[in-house]
Amino acid sequence: MITERLRHFNALFCLLWLIITTVIWTVSDYQQHDLFSKTISVMVPLGALILSTYILCNLLLPQAVGKNRGYWTVLVLVSMALVQGVLLYLCEELLFFLGQSGVIVLDTEPRDTFWVSIINATPIALLLNLGFGGLRFFYEHAKLSEKHHVLQKSLLESQVAALQAQINPHFMFNVLNHIHILMQRNVDKSSTLLLKYADMLRYQLYEGNKDSTYLKTEIAFINNFIEIEQIRWDNRLIIDTCWNIGDAQTRISPLLFFTLLENAFKFVSRPEDGKGFVKVKMDQEEECIVFFVENSVSGSNLVDKNEGNSGLGLSNLRKRLDLLYAERYKLDIVHTAEWYSATLLIYV
């Protein structure tokens, strides 16, 4: 099946040869008085060149480029030039025979010997091959670039899917652990948590595996998680949230902020004489989204623990950000003996 790109190349190939043929016909120094003789004298050698360059561009060069070896391509170009030199010599002999037979009228000019004809014709044939071959190489390179782009996209999608899948087991473990603890203390709360976790799992099932989701949907998921943590922590934790959203219809990759938020609640600590805190803030202006989360800690030991246990989640998050947003994001982690914060900036 001929591709659209190949059809474009062949159309340009025919157009260029039509131009070359017209120029040669116009400047031809043949002195025949009949149109038939001039047509045969011009079209026989041109036909041999057109056919040979077509074979070169559509059969030989694509295979040579596919081998990804430069010397092989050069060898094909030079070999075809030599073959074309021989073909032009045979065409000259054929025209001489037709002239001797009276089929056409030829000028009585001395013919070149075989080697002289090869030496004269090969450089011209090589220039033609370089021109048409360079054009085909351009088209072939574009095809390879397109194929490389498709492969890169497929690899990106598979890597992102694998990283997102790594979120699920860890998240499910926390779900079951929270419900198990609360069922032994408060059945009503555990039932409420179970329903809210069902909503979160529904989000992961239907939105988490998509390429993108609406920002408002992601925020609803985050709020749902925060409400669950408020129930779980009861009055032992101060939770402060702030949302400054310009366009809630903005599409982003799902579950980008969840790792940072989950770590904040997982490692938050409260002092003996007071309450701990978690601050969550999101600002959006035009194409920039800034997500900030901060949690209280008590002592450097807990900070080290926070770093060690959240390392896998943060590592996966960074990999996803590298794959999805490349140079369009910034992730800053800051910790002291009293608080731990993470700021994620994304240009969508």
C-alpha atoms as a PDB file:
ATOM      1  CA  MET A   1       0.000   0.000   0.000  1.00  0.00           C
ATOM      2  CA  ILE A   2       1.487   3.321  -1.117  1.00  0.00           C
ATOM      3  CA  THR A   3       1.535   5.862   1.653  1.00  0.00           C
ATOM      4  CA  GLU A   4       0.551   9.502   1.244  1.00  0.00           C
ATOM      5  CA  ARG A   5       4.164  10.564   1.690  1.00  0.00           C
ATOM      6  CA  LEU A   6       5.337   8.187  -1.038  1.00  0.00           C
ATOM      7  CA  ARG A   7       2.656   9.474  -3.401  1.00  0.00           C
ATOM      8  CA  HIS A   8       3.883  13.019  -2.816  1.00  0.00           C
ATOM      9  CA  PHE A   9       7.455  11.993  -3.560  1.00  0.00           C
ATOM     10  CA  ASN A  10       6.509  10.180  -6.776  1.00  0.00           C
ATOM     11  CA  ALA A  11       4.469  13.178  -7.921  1.00  0.00           C
ATOM     12  CA  LEU A  12       7.463  15.445  -7.352  1.00  0.00           C
ATOM     13  CA  PHE A  13       9.724  12.867  -9.038  1.00  0.00           C
ATOM     14  CA  CYS A  14       7.572  12.941 -12.176  1.00  0.00           C
ATOM     15  CA  LEU A  15       7.355  16.736 -12.143  1.00  0.00           C
ATOM     16  CA  LEU A  16      11.145  17.131 -11.933  1.00  0.00           C
ATOM     17  CA  TRP A  17      11.751  14.678 -14.748  1.00  0.00           C
ATOM     18  CA  LEU A  18       9.127  16.454 -16.849  1.00  0.00           C
ATOM     19  CA  ILE A  19      11.025  19.707 -16.350  1.00  0.00           C
ATOM     20  CA  ILE A  20      14.369  18.044 -17.176  1.00  0.00           C
ATOM     21  CA  THR A  21      12.887  16.429 -20.282  1.00  0.00           C
ATOM     22  CA  THR A  22      11.442  19.743 -21.454  1.00  0.00           C
ATOM     23  CA  VAL A  23      14.776  21.508 -20.987  1.00  0.00           C
ATOM     24  CA  ILE A  24      16.707  18.767 -22.833  1.00  0.00           C
ATOM     25  CA  TRP A  25      14.133  18.752 -25.644  1.00  0.00           C
ATOM     26  CA  THR A  26      14.397  22.518 -25.994  1.00  0.00           C
ATOM     27  CA  VAL A  27      18.199  22.737 -26.027  1.00  0.00           C
ATOM     28  CA  SER A  28      18.762  19.469 -27.906  1.00  0.00           C
ATOM     29  CA  ASP A  29      21.404  19.883 -30.637  1.00  0.00           C
ATOM     30  CA  TYR A  30      20.039  17.084 -32.801  1.00  0.00           C
ATOM     31  CA  GLN A  31      19.581  18.327 -36.389  1.00  0.00           C
ATOM     32  CA  GLN A  32      16.896  15.868 -37.472  1.00  0.00           C
ATOM     33  CA  HIS A  33      14.142  17.439 -39.547  1.00  0.00           C
ATOM     34  CA  ASP A  34      11.508  14.880 -38.583  1.00  0.00           C
ATOM     35  CA  LEU A  35       9.856  14.883 -35.154  1.00  0.00           C
ATOM     36  CA  PHE A  36       9.933  11.087 -34.849  1.00  0.00           C
ATOM     37  CA  SER A  37      13.730  10.883 -35.071  1.00  0.00           C
ATOM     38  CA  LYS A  38      14.215  13.620 -32.507  1.00  0.00           C
ATOM     39  CA  THR A  39      11.690  12.001 -30.138  1.00  0.00           C
ATOM     40  CA  ILE A  40      13.423   8.626 -30.304  1.00  0.00           C
ATOM     41  CA  SER A  41      16.887  10.177 -29.932  1.00  0.00           C
ATOM     42  CA  VAL A  42      15.871  12.133 -26.832  1.00  0.00           C
ATOM     43  CA  MET A  43      13.491   9.715 -25.108  1.00  0.00           C
ATOM     44  CA  VAL A  44      15.533   6.488 -25.338  1.00  0.00           C
ATOM     45  CA  PRO A  45      18.417   7.651 -23.084  1.00  0.00           C
ATOM     46  CA  LEU A  46      16.057   9.695 -20.910  1.00  0.00           C
ATOM     47  CA  GLY A  47      13.787   6.668 -20.473  1.00  0.00           C
ATOM     48  CA  ALA A  48      16.749   4.629 -19.255  1.00  0.00           C
ATOM     49  CA  LEU A  49      17.696   7.353 -16.745  1.00  0.00           C
ATOM     50  CA  ILE A  50      14.126   7.827 -15.514  1.00  0.00           C
ATOM     51  CA  LEU A  51      13.597   4.103 -14.984  1.00  0.00           C
ATOM     52  CA  SER A  52      16.942   3.623 -13.234  1.00  0.00           C
ATOM     53  CA  THR A  53      16.493   6.619 -10.912  1.00  0.00           C
ATOM     54  CA  TYR A  54      12.964   5.416 -10.079  1.00  0.00           C
ATOM     55  CA  ILE A  55      14.349   2.001  -9.102  1.00  0.00           C
ATOM     56  CA  LEU A  56      17.091   3.724  -7.106  1.00  0.00           C
ATOM     57  CA  CYS A  57      14.727   6.001  -5.182  1.00  0.00           C
ATOM     58  CA  ASN A  58      11.856   3.598  -4.544  1.00  0.00           C
ATOM     59  CA  LEU A  59      13.626   0.270  -4.106  1.00  0.00           C
ATOM     60  CA  LEU A  60      17.343   0.544  -3.422  1.00  0.00           C
ATOM     61  CA  LEU A  61      17.696   3.699  -1.321  1.00  0.00           C
ATOM     62  CA  PRO A  62      14.927   2.873   1.214  1.00  0.00           C
ATOM     63  CA  GLN A  63      16.642  -0.444   1.926  1.00  0.00           C
ATOM     64  CA  ALA A  64      20.052   1.237   2.202  1.00  0.00           C
ATOM     65  CA  VAL A  65      18.710   3.890   4.593  1.00  0.00           C
ATOM     66  CA  GLY A  66      16.965   1.165   6.609  1.00  0.00           C
ATOM     67  CA  LYS A  67      20.342  -0.510   7.210  1.00  0.00           C
ATOM     68  CA  ASN A  68      21.465   2.751   8.867  1.00  0.00           C
ATOM     69  CA  ARG A  69      24.915   2.480   7.275  1.00  0.00           C
ATOM     70  CA  GLY A  70      26.235   5.505   5.408  1.00  0.00           C
ATOM     71  CA  TYR A  71      28.788   3.626   3.334  1.00  0.00           C
ATOM     72  CA  TRP A  72      26.065   1.295   2.049  1.00  0.00           C
ATOM     73  CA  THR A  73      24.092   4.280   0.732  1.00  0.00           C
ATOM     74  CA  VAL A  74      27.187   5.716  -0.996  1.00  0.00           C
ATOM     75  CA  LEU A  75      27.910   2.318  -2.545  1.00  0.00           C
ATOM     76  CA  VAL A  76      24.364   2.102  -3.929  1.00  0.00           C
ATOM     77  CA  LEU A  77      24.571   5.603  -5.450  1.00  0.00           C
ATOM     78  CA  VAL A  78      27.949   4.995  -7.124  1.00  0.00           C
ATOM     79  CA  SER A  79      26.984   1.527  -8.355  1.00  0.00           C
ATOM     80  CA  MET A  80      23.792   2.832  -9.914  1.00  0.00           C
ATOM     81  CA  ALA A  81      25.746   5.636 -11.614  1.00  0.00           C
ATOM     82  CA  LEU A  82      28.022   3.054 -13.229  1.00  0.00           C
ATOM     83  CA  VAL A  83      25.022   0.989 -14.308  1.00  0.00           C
ATOM     84  CA  GLN A  84      23.464   4.116 -15.810  1.00  0.00           C
ATOM     85  CA  GLY A  85      26.697   4.839 -17.655  1.00  0.00           C
ATOM     86  CA  VAL A  86      26.498   1.394 -19.253  1.00  0.00           C
ATOM     87  CA  LEU A  87      22.805   1.908 -20.053  1.00  0.00           C
ATOM     88  CA  LEU A  88      23.540   5.207 -21.788  1.00  0.00           C
ATOM     89  CA  TYR A  89      26.257   3.523 -23.856  1.00  0.00           C
ATOM     90  CA  LEU A  90      23.802   0.780 -24.869  1.00  0.00           C
ATOM     91  CA  CYS A  91      21.199   3.430 -25.744  1.00  0.00           C
ATOM     92  CA  GLU A  92      23.775   5.143 -27.950  1.00  0.00           C
ATOM     93  CA  GLU A  93      24.495   1.842 -29.666  1.00  0.00           C
ATOM     94  CA  LEU A  94      20.761   1.229 -30.138  1.00  0.00           C
ATOM     95  CA  LEU A  95      20.253   4.657 -31.691  1.00  0.00           C
ATOM     96  CA  PHE A  96      23.231   4.064 -34.001  1.00  0.00           C
ATOM     97  CA  PHE A  97      21.722   0.730 -35.061  1.00  0.00           C
ATOM     98  CA  LEU A  98      18.342   2.376 -35.760  1.00  0.00           C
ATOM     99  CA  GLY A  99      20.086   5.049 -37.758  1.00  0.00           C
ATOM    100  CA  GLN A 100      22.004   2.447 -39.782  1.00  0.00           C
ATOM    101  CA  SER A 101      18.748   0.589 -40.390  1.00  0.00           C
ATOM    102  CA  GLY A 102      17.021   3.719 -41.671  1.00  0.00           C
ATOM    103  CA  VAL A 103      14.422   3.802 -38.902  1.00  0.00           C
ATOM    104  CA  ILE A 104      15.561   7.249 -37.744  1.00  0.00           C
ATOM    105  CA  VAL A 105      17.827   9.937 -39.130  1.00  0.00           C
ATOM    106  CA  LEU A 106      20.984  10.616 -37.118  1.00  0.00           C
ATOM    107  CA  ASP A 107      23.810  13.087 -37.442  1.00  0.00           C
ATOM    108  CA  THR A 108      26.963  11.483 -38.747  1.00  0.00           C
ATOM    109  CA  GLU A 109      29.142  12.078 -35.700  1.00  0.00           C
ATOM    110  CA  PRO A 110      31.814   9.675 -34.433  1.00  0.00           C
ATOM    111  CA  ARG A 111      30.693   7.531 -31.533  1.00  0.00           C
ATOM    112  CA  ASP A 112      32.569   7.305 -28.262  1.00  0.00           C
ATOM    113  CA  THR A 113      34.219   4.067 -27.282  1.00  0.00           C
ATOM    114  CA  PHE A 114      32.779   2.077 -24.379  1.00  0.00           C
ATOM    115  CA  TRP A 115      35.148   3.398 -21.695  1.00  0.00           C
ATOM    116  CA  VAL A 116      35.017   6.981 -22.945  1.00  0.00           C
ATOM    117  CA  SER A 117      31.216   6.813 -22.863  1.00  0.00           C
ATOM    118  CA  ILE A 118      31.258   5.414 -19.320  1.00  0.00           C
ATOM    119  CA  ILE A 119      33.691   8.095 -18.125  1.00  0.00           C
ATOM    120  CA  ASN A 120      31.601  10.865 -19.659  1.00  0.00           C
ATOM    121  CA  ALA A 121      28.188   9.587 -18.555  1.00  0.00           C
ATOM    122  CA  THR A 122      28.914   8.358 -15.011  1.00  0.00           C
ATOM    123  CA  PRO A 123      29.546  11.786 -13.389  1.00  0.00           C
ATOM    124  CA  ILE A 124      26.306  13.165 -14.879  1.00  0.00           C
ATOM    125  CA  ALA A 125      24.401  10.095 -13.692  1.00  0.00           C
ATOM    126  CA  LEU A 126      25.947  10.413 -10.225  1.00  0.00           C
ATOM    127  CA  LEU A 127      24.817  14.041  -9.962  1.00  0.00           C
ATOM    128  CA  LEU A 128      21.281  12.995 -10.926  1.00  0.00           C
ATOM    129  CA  ASN A 129      21.360  10.215  -8.355  1.00  0.00           C
ATOM    130  CA  LEU A 130      22.582  12.558  -5.650  1.00  0.00           C
ATOM    131  CA  GLY A 131      19.805  15.019  -6.441  1.00  0.00           C
ATOM    132  CA  PHE A 132      16.936  12.541  -6.579  1.00  0.00           C
ATOM    133  CA  GLY A 133      18.494  10.387  -3.859  1.00  0.00           C
ATOM    134  CA  GLY A 134      18.823  13.401  -1.574  1.00  0.00           C
ATOM    135  CA  LEU A 135      15.168  14.205  -2.166  1.00  0.00           C
ATOM    136  CA  ARG A 136      14.144  10.637  -1.353  1.00  0.00           C
ATOM    137  CA  PHE A 137      16.391  10.631   1.703  1.00  0.00           C
ATOM    138  CA  PHE A 138      14.563  13.725   2.932  1.00  0.00           C
ATOM    139  CA  TYR A 139      11.224  11.930   2.589  1.00  0.00           C
ATOM    140  CA  GLU A 140      12.637   8.736   4.119  1.00  0.00           C
ATOM    141  CA  HIS A 141      14.118  10.672   7.041  1.00  0.00           C
ATOM    142  CA  ALA A 142      10.751  12.336   7.634  1.00  0.00           C
ATOM    143  CA  LYS A 143       9.125   8.899   7.697  1.00  0.00           C
ATOM    144  CA  LEU A 144      11.701   7.603  10.168  1.00  0.00           C
ATOM    145  CA  SER A 145      11.231  10.693  12.340  1.00  0.00           C
ATOM    146  CA  GLU A 146       7.478  10.149  12.335  1.00  0.00           C
ATOM    147  CA  LYS A 147       7.922   6.493  13.259  1.00  0.00           C
ATOM    148  CA  HIS A 148      10.360   7.483  16.023  1.00  0.00           C
ATOM    149  CA  HIS A 149       7.823   9.993  17.328  1.00  0.00           C
ATOM    150  CA  VAL A 150       5.105   7.320  17.391  1.00  0.00           C
ATOM    151  CA  LEU A 151       7.406   4.909  19.245  1.00  0.00           C
ATOM    152  CA  GLN A 152       8.367   7.602  21.743  1.00  0.00           C
ATOM    153  CA  LYS A 153       4.712   8.404  22.346  1.00  0.00           C
ATOM    154  CA  SER A 154       3.909   4.717  22.871  1.00  0.00           C
ATOM    155  CA  LEU A 155       6.829   4.367  25.287  1.00  0.00           C
ATOM    156  CA  LEU A 156       5.729   7.502  27.135  1.00  0.00           C
ATOM    157  CA  GLU A 157       2.180   6.216  27.493  1.00  0.00           C
ATOM    158  CA  SER A 158       3.353   2.831  28.754  1.00  0.00           C
ATOM    159  CA  GLN A 159       5.766   4.398  31.249  1.00  0.00           C
ATOM    160  CA  VAL A 160       3.132   6.778  32.592  1.00  0.00           C
ATOM    161  CA  ALA A 161       0.634   3.922  32.889  1.00  0.00           C
ATOM    162  CA  ALA A 162       3.186   1.852  34.803  1.00  0.00           C
ATOM    163  CA  LEU A 163       3.964   4.717  37.188  1.00  0.00           C
ATOM    164  CA  GLN A 164       0.280   5.432  37.780  1.00  0.00           C
ATOM    165  CA  ALA A 165      -0.310   1.736  38.463  1.00  0.00           C
ATOM    166  CA  GLN A 166       2.328   1.889  41.210  1.00  0.00           C
ATOM    167  CA  ILE A 167       0.125   4.367  43.066  1.00  0.00           C
ATOM    168  CA  ASN A 168      -2.789   1.971  43.399  1.00  0.00           C
ATOM    169  CA  PRO A 169      -1.329  -0.772  45.690  1.00  0.00           C
ATOM    170  CA  HIS A 170       0.020   1.760  48.160  1.00  0.00           C
ATOM    171  CA  PHE A 171      -3.232   3.694  48.141  1.00  0.00           C
ATOM    172  CA  MET A 172      -5.315   0.542  48.619  1.00  0.00           C
ATOM    173  CA  PHE A 173      -3.159  -0.484  51.577  1.00  0.00           C
ATOM    174  CA  ASN A 174      -3.891   2.826  53.313  1.00  0.00           C
ATOM    175  CA  VAL A 175      -7.618   2.467  52.585  1.00  0.00           C
ATOM    176  CA  LEU A 176      -7.884  -0.949  54.196  1.00  0.00           C
ATOM    177  CA  ASN A 177      -5.696   0.025  57.131  1.00  0.00           C
ATOM    178  CA  HIS A 178      -7.758   3.150  57.959  1.00  0.00           C
ATOM    179  CA  ILE A 179     -11.064   1.327  57.772  1.00  0.00           C
ATOM    180  CA  HIS A 180      -9.771  -1.582  59.859  1.00  0.00           C
ATOM    181  CA  ILE A 181      -8.690   0.752  62.672  1.00  0.00           C
ATOM    182  CA  LEU A 182     -11.900   2.802  62.697  1.00  0.00           C
ATOM    183  CA  MET A 183     -14.190  -0.233  62.630  1.00  0.00           C
ATOM    184  CA  GLN A 184     -12.878  -1.170  66.062  1.00  0.00           C
ATOM    185  CA  ARG A 185     -13.571   2.313  67.450  1.00  0.00           C
ATOM    186  CA  ASN A 186     -16.520   3.859  65.637  1.00  0.00           C
ATOM    187  CA  VAL A 187     -18.718   1.905  63.234  1.00  0.00           C
ATOM    188  CA  ASP A 188     -20.556   5.004  61.966  1.00  0.00           C
ATOM    189  CA  LYS A 189     -17.341   6.794  61.094  1.00  0.00           C
ATOM    190  CA  SER A 190     -15.916   3.700  59.444  1.00  0.00           C
ATOM    191  CA  SER A 191     -19.090   3.444  57.341  1.00  0.00           C
ATOM    192  CA  THR A 192     -18.781   7.083  56.273  1.00  0.00           C
ATOM    193  CA  LEU A 193     -15.135   6.594  55.430  1.00  0.00           C
ATOM    194  CA  LEU A 194     -15.949   3.478  53.462  1.00  0.00           C
ATOM    195  CA  LEU A 195     -18.404   5.401  51.277  1.00  0.00           C
ATOM    196  CA  LYS A 196     -15.976   8.235  50.709  1.00  0.00           C
ATOM    197  CA  TYR A 197     -13.172   5.825  49.898  1.00  0.00           C
ATOM    198  CA  ALA A 198     -15.524   4.178  47.420  1.00  0.00           C
ATOM    199  CA  ASP A 199     -15.867   7.558  45.707  1.00  0.00           C
ATOM    200  CA  MET A 200     -12.089   7.927  45.635  1.00  0.00           C
ATOM    201  CA  LEU A 201     -11.622   4.450  44.205  1.00  0.00           C
ATOM    202  CA  ARG A 202     -14.272   5.240  41.615  1.00  0.00           C
ATOM    203  CA  TYR A 203     -12.231   8.296  40.647  1.00  0.00           C
ATOM    204  CA  GLN A 204      -9.094   6.203  40.302  1.00  0.00           C
ATOM    205  CA  LEU A 205     -10.924   3.635  38.244  1.00  0.00           C
ATOM    206  CA  TYR A 206     -12.541   6.016  35.771  1.00  0.00           C
ATOM    207  CA  GLU A 207     -10.209   9.035  35.806  1.00  0.00           C
ATOM    208  CA  GLY A 208      -6.862   7.770  37.103  1.00  0.00           C
ATOM    209  CA  ASN A 209      -6.058   5.791  33.941  1.00  0.00           C
ATOM    210  CA  LYS A 210      -6.965   8.600  31.539  1.00  0.00           C
ATOM    211  CA  ASP A 211      -4.393  10.839  29.900  1.00  0.00           C
ATOM    212  CA  SER A 212      -5.993  13.908  31.440  1.00  0.00           C
ATOM    213  CA  THR A 213      -8.883  15.054  33.594  1.00  0.00           C
ATOM    214  CA  TYR A 214     -10.533  18.363  34.464  1.00  0.00           C
ATOM    215  CA  LEU A 215      -8.901  20.379  37.221  1.00  0.00           C
ATOM    216  CA  LYS A 216     -12.245  20.649  39.025  1.00  0.00           C
ATOM    217  CA  THR A 217     -12.504  16.844  39.078  1.00  0.00           C
ATOM    218  CA  GLU A 218      -9.023  16.539  40.543  1.00  0.00           C
ATOM    219  CA  ILE A 219      -9.850  19.146  43.189  1.00  0.00           C
ATOM    220  CA  ALA A 220     -13.039  17.266  44.109  1.00  0.00           C
ATOM    221  CA  PHE A 221     -10.935  14.138  44.582  1.00  0.00           C
ATOM    222  CA  ILE A 222      -8.470  16.043  46.777  1.00  0.00           C
ATOM    223  CA  ASN A 223     -11.280  17.563  48.859  1.00  0.00           C
ATOM    224  CA  ASN A 224     -12.791  14.137  49.338  1.00  0.00           C
ATOM    225  CA  PHE A 225      -9.497  12.842  50.667  1.00  0.00           C
ATOM    226  CA  ILE A 226      -9.125  15.850  52.984  1.00  0.00           C
ATOM    227  CA  GLU A 227     -12.622  15.290  54.388  1.00  0.00           C
ATOM    228  CA  ILE A 228     -11.718  11.689  55.122  1.00  0.00           C
ATOM    229  CA  GLU A 229      -8.579  12.774  56.955  1.00  0.00           C
ATOM    230  CA  GLN A 230     -10.561  15.321  58.958  1.00  0.00           C
ATOM    231  CA  ILE A 231     -12.824  12.525  60.184  1.00  0.00           C
ATOM    232  CA  ARG A 232      -9.894  10.265  60.923  1.00  0.00           C
ATOM    233  CA  TRP A 233      -7.929  12.885  62.853  1.00  0.00           C
ATOM    234  CA  ASP A 234     -11.001  14.300  64.582  1.00  0.00           C
ATOM    235  CA  ASN A 235      -9.984  17.425  66.581  1.00  0.00           C
ATOM    236  CA  ARG A 236      -6.298  16.610  66.836  1.00  0.00           C
ATOM    237  CA  LEU A 237      -5.373  18.377  63.598  1.00  0.00           C
ATOM    238  CA  ILE A 238      -5.929  21.840  62.104  1.00  0.00           C
ATOM    239  CA  ILE A 239      -6.560  21.590  58.375  1.00  0.00           C
ATOM    240  CA  ASP A 240      -6.464  24.777  56.321  1.00  0.00           C
ATOM    241  CA  THR A 241      -7.372  24.751  52.601  1.00  0.00           C
ATOM    242  CA  CYS A 242      -7.451  27.530  50.017  1.00  0.00           C
ATOM    243  CA  TRP A 243      -8.416  27.291  46.337  1.00  0.00           C
ATOM    244  CA  ASN A 244      -7.826  30.161  43.896  1.00  0.00           C
ATOM    245  CA  ILE A 245      -8.871  28.650  40.574  1.00  0.00           C
ATOM    246  CA  GLY A 246      -9.157  30.688  37.398  1.00  0.00           C
ATOM    247  CA  ASP A 247     -10.326  27.995  34.983  1.00  0.00           C
ATOM    248  CA  ALA A 248     -11.706  24.802  36.511  1.00  0.00           C
ATOM    249  CA  GLN A 249     -12.036  23.283  33.020  1.00  0.00           C
ATOM    250  CA  THR A 250      -8.258  23.126  32.561  1.00  0.00           C
ATOM    251  CA  ARG A 251      -7.115  19.601  31.768  1.00  0.00           C
ATOM    252  CA  ILE A 252      -4.210  18.050  33.673  1.00  0.00           C
ATOM    253  CA  SER A 253      -2.799  14.598  34.226  1.00  0.00           C
ATOM    254  CA  PRO A 254      -4.699  12.873  37.076  1.00  0.00           C
ATOM    255  CA  LEU A 255      -3.255  12.122  40.519  1.00  0.00           C
ATOM    256  CA  LEU A 256      -0.316  14.510  40.220  1.00  0.00           C
ATOM    257  CA  PHE A 257      -0.979  16.226  43.562  1.00  0.00           C
ATOM    258  CA  PHE A 258      -2.153  13.210  45.519  1.00  0.00           C
ATOM    259  CA  THR A 259       1.312  11.925  46.471  1.00  0.00           C
ATOM    260  CA  LEU A 260       2.270  15.244  48.078  1.00  0.00           C
ATOM    261  CA  LEU A 261      -1.074  15.508  49.864  1.00  0.00           C
ATOM    262  CA  GLU A 262      -1.005  11.913  51.088  1.00  0.00           C
ATOM    263  CA  ASN A 263       2.526  12.334  52.456  1.00  0.00           C
ATOM    264  CA  ALA A 264       1.455  15.436  54.384  1.00  0.00           C
ATOM    265  CA  PHE A 265      -1.288  13.553  56.218  1.00  0.00           C
ATOM    266  CA  LYS A 266       0.761  10.397  56.533  1.00  0.00           C
ATOM    267  CA  PHE A 267       3.686  12.076  58.290  1.00  0.00           C
ATOM    268  CA  VAL A 268       2.012  15.001  60.029  1.00  0.00           C
ATOM    269  CA  SER A 269       2.870  15.262  63.713  1.00  0.00           C
ATOM    270  CA  ARG A 270       1.423  17.315  66.542  1.00  0.00           C
ATOM    271  CA  PRO A 271       3.279  18.655  69.562  1.00  0.00           C
ATOM    272  CA  GLU A 272       2.452  17.305  72.989  1.00  0.00           C
ATOM    273  CA  ASP A 273       0.828  20.556  74.108  1.00  0.00           C
ATOM    274  CA  GLY A 274      -1.036  21.453  70.932  1.00  0.00           C
ATOM    275  CA  LYS A 275      -2.439  20.440  67.582  1.00  0.00           C
ATOM    276  CA  GLY A 276      -0.663  19.583  64.396  1.00  0.00           C
ATOM    277  CA  PHE A 277      -1.529  21.255  61.109  1.00  0.00           C
ATOM    278  CA  VAL A 278      -1.803  20.635  57.390  1.00  0.00           C
ATOM    279  CA  LYS A 279      -2.067  23.524  54.950  1.00  0.00           C
ATOM    280  CA  VAL A 280      -3.230  22.936  51.378  1.00  0.00           C
ATOM    281  CA  LYS A 281      -3.340  25.676  48.774  1.00  0.00           C
ATOM    282  CA  MET A 282      -3.770  25.776  45.011  1.00  0.00           C
ATOM    283  CA  ASP A 283      -3.417  28.879  42.820  1.00  0.00           C
ATOM    284  CA  GLN A 284      -4.131  28.961  39.111  1.00  0.00           C
ATOM    285  CA  GLU A 285      -3.429  31.830  36.759  1.00  0.00           C
ATOM    286  CA  GLU A 286      -3.781  31.320  33.022  1.00  0.00           C
ATOM    287  CA  GLU A 287      -1.542  28.325  32.177  1.00  0.00           C
ATOM    288  CA  CYS A 288       0.221  28.056  35.556  1.00  0.00           C
ATOM    289  CA  ILE A 289      -0.924  25.881  38.474  1.00  0.00           C
ATOM    290  CA  VAL A 290       0.822  26.073  41.855  1.00  0.00           C
ATOM    291  CA  PHE A 291       0.005  23.417  44.449  1.00  0.00           C
ATOM    292  CA  PHE A 292       1.358  23.940  47.959  1.00  0.00           C
ATOM    293  CA  VAL A 293       1.078  21.600  50.942  1.00  0.00           C
ATOM    294  CA  GLU A 294       2.676  21.921  54.360  1.00  0.00           C
ATOM    295  CA  ASN A 295       2.492  19.766  57.480  1.00  0.00           C
ATOM    296  CA  SER A 296       3.823  20.029  60.992  1.00  0.00           C
ATOM    297  CA  VAL A 297       6.600  17.746  62.212  1.00  0.00           C
ATOM    298  CA  SER A 298       8.288  17.283  65.580  1.00  0.00           C
ATOM    299  CA  GLY A 299      12.030  16.913  65.561  1.00  0.00           C
ATOM    300  CA  SER A 300      14.590  15.968  62.919  1.00  0.00           C
ATOM    301  CA  ASN A 301      14.018  12.248  63.372  1.00  0.00           C
ATOM    302  CA  LEU A 302      10.519  12.542  61.976  1.00  0.00           C
ATOM    303  CA  VAL A 303      11.785  14.577  59.056  1.00  0.00           C
ATOM    304  CA  ASP A 304      14.237  11.805  58.211  1.00  0.00           C
ATOM    305  CA  LYS A 305      11.448   9.278  58.520  1.00  0.00           C
ATOM    306  CA  ASN A 306       9.299  11.378  56.243  1.00  0.00           C
ATOM    307  CA  GLU A 307      12.012  11.442  53.586  1.00  0.00           C
ATOM    308  CA  GLY A 308      12.722   7.733  53.765  1.00  0.00           C
ATOM    309  CA  ASN A 309       9.161   6.461  53.611  1.00  0.00           C
ATOM    310  CA  SER A 310       7.879   8.908  51.044  1.00  0.00           C
ATOM    311  CA  GLY A 311      10.869   8.419  48.751  1.00  0.00           C
ATOM    312  CA  LEU A 312       9.194   5.930  46.430  1.00  0.00           C
ATOM    313  CA  GLY A 313       6.110   8.071  45.953  1.00  0.00           C
ATOM    314  CA  LEU A 314       8.147  11.208  45.300  1.00  0.00           C
ATOM    315  CA  SER A 315      10.433   9.314  42.925  1.00  0.00           C
ATOM    316  CA  ASN A 316       7.447   8.081  40.920  1.00  0.00           C
ATOM    317  CA  LEU A 317       5.963  11.567  40.921  1.00  0.00           C
ATOM    318  CA  ARG A 318       9.165  13.082  39.562  1.00  0.00           C
ATOM    319  CA  LYS A 319       9.327  10.430  36.833  1.00  0.00           C
ATOM    320  CA  ARG A 320       5.739  11.142  35.819  1.00  0.00           C
ATOM    321  CA  LEU A 321       6.409  14.874  35.767  1.00  0.00           C
ATOM    322  CA  ASP A 322       9.551  14.356  33.659  1.00  0.00           C
ATOM    323  CA  LEU A 323       7.580  12.281  31.166  1.00  0.00           C
ATOM    324  CA  LEU A 324       4.440  14.405  31.022  1.00  0.00           C
ATOM    325  CA  TYR A 325       5.652  17.965  31.554  1.00  0.00           C
ATOM    326  CA  ALA A 326       9.419  17.818  30.893  1.00  0.00           C
ATOM    327  CA  GLU A 327      10.718  21.388  31.336  1.00  0.00           C
ATOM    328  CA  ARG A 328       7.276  22.735  32.256  1.00  0.00           C
ATOM    329  CA  TYR A 329       7.280  21.963  35.973  1.00  0.00           C
ATOM    330  CA  LYS A 330       9.159  22.685  39.194  1.00  0.00           C
ATOM    331  CA  LEU A 331       8.987  20.676  42.412  1.00  0.00           C
ATOM    332  CA  ASP A 332      10.478  22.103  45.599  1.00  0.00           C
ATOM    333  CA  ILE A 333      10.692  20.216  48.904  1.00  0.00           C
ATOM    334  CA  VAL A 334      11.602  22.142  52.065  1.00  0.00           C
ATOM    335  CA  HIS A 335      11.786  20.785  55.613  1.00  0.00           C
ATOM    336  CA  THR A 336      12.800  22.087  58.994  1.00  0.00           C
ATOM    337  CA  ALA A 337      12.540  20.725  62.532  1.00  0.00           C
ATOM    338  CA  GLU A 338       8.990  22.108  62.754  1.00  0.00           C
ATOM    339  CA  TRP A 339       7.402  21.800  59.332  1.00  0.00           C
ATOM    340  CA  TYR A 340       7.651  20.060  55.979  1.00  0.00           C
ATOM    341  CA  SER A 341       6.412  21.625  52.734  1.00  0.00           C
ATOM    342  CA  ALA A 342       6.174  20.758  49.050  1.00  0.00           C
ATOM    343  CA  THR A 343       5.421  23.148  46.182  1.00  0.00           C
ATOM    344  CA  LEU A 344       4.598  21.869  42.708  1.00  0.00           C
ATOM    345  CA  LEU A 345       4.395  24.365  39.839  1.00  0.00           C
ATOM    346  CA  ILE A 346       3.078  23.165  36.475  1.00  0.00           C
ATOM    347  CA  TYR A 347       2.645  24.952  33.170  1.00  0.00           C
ATOM    348  CA  VAL A 348      -0.243  23.200  31.422  1.00  0.00           C
END
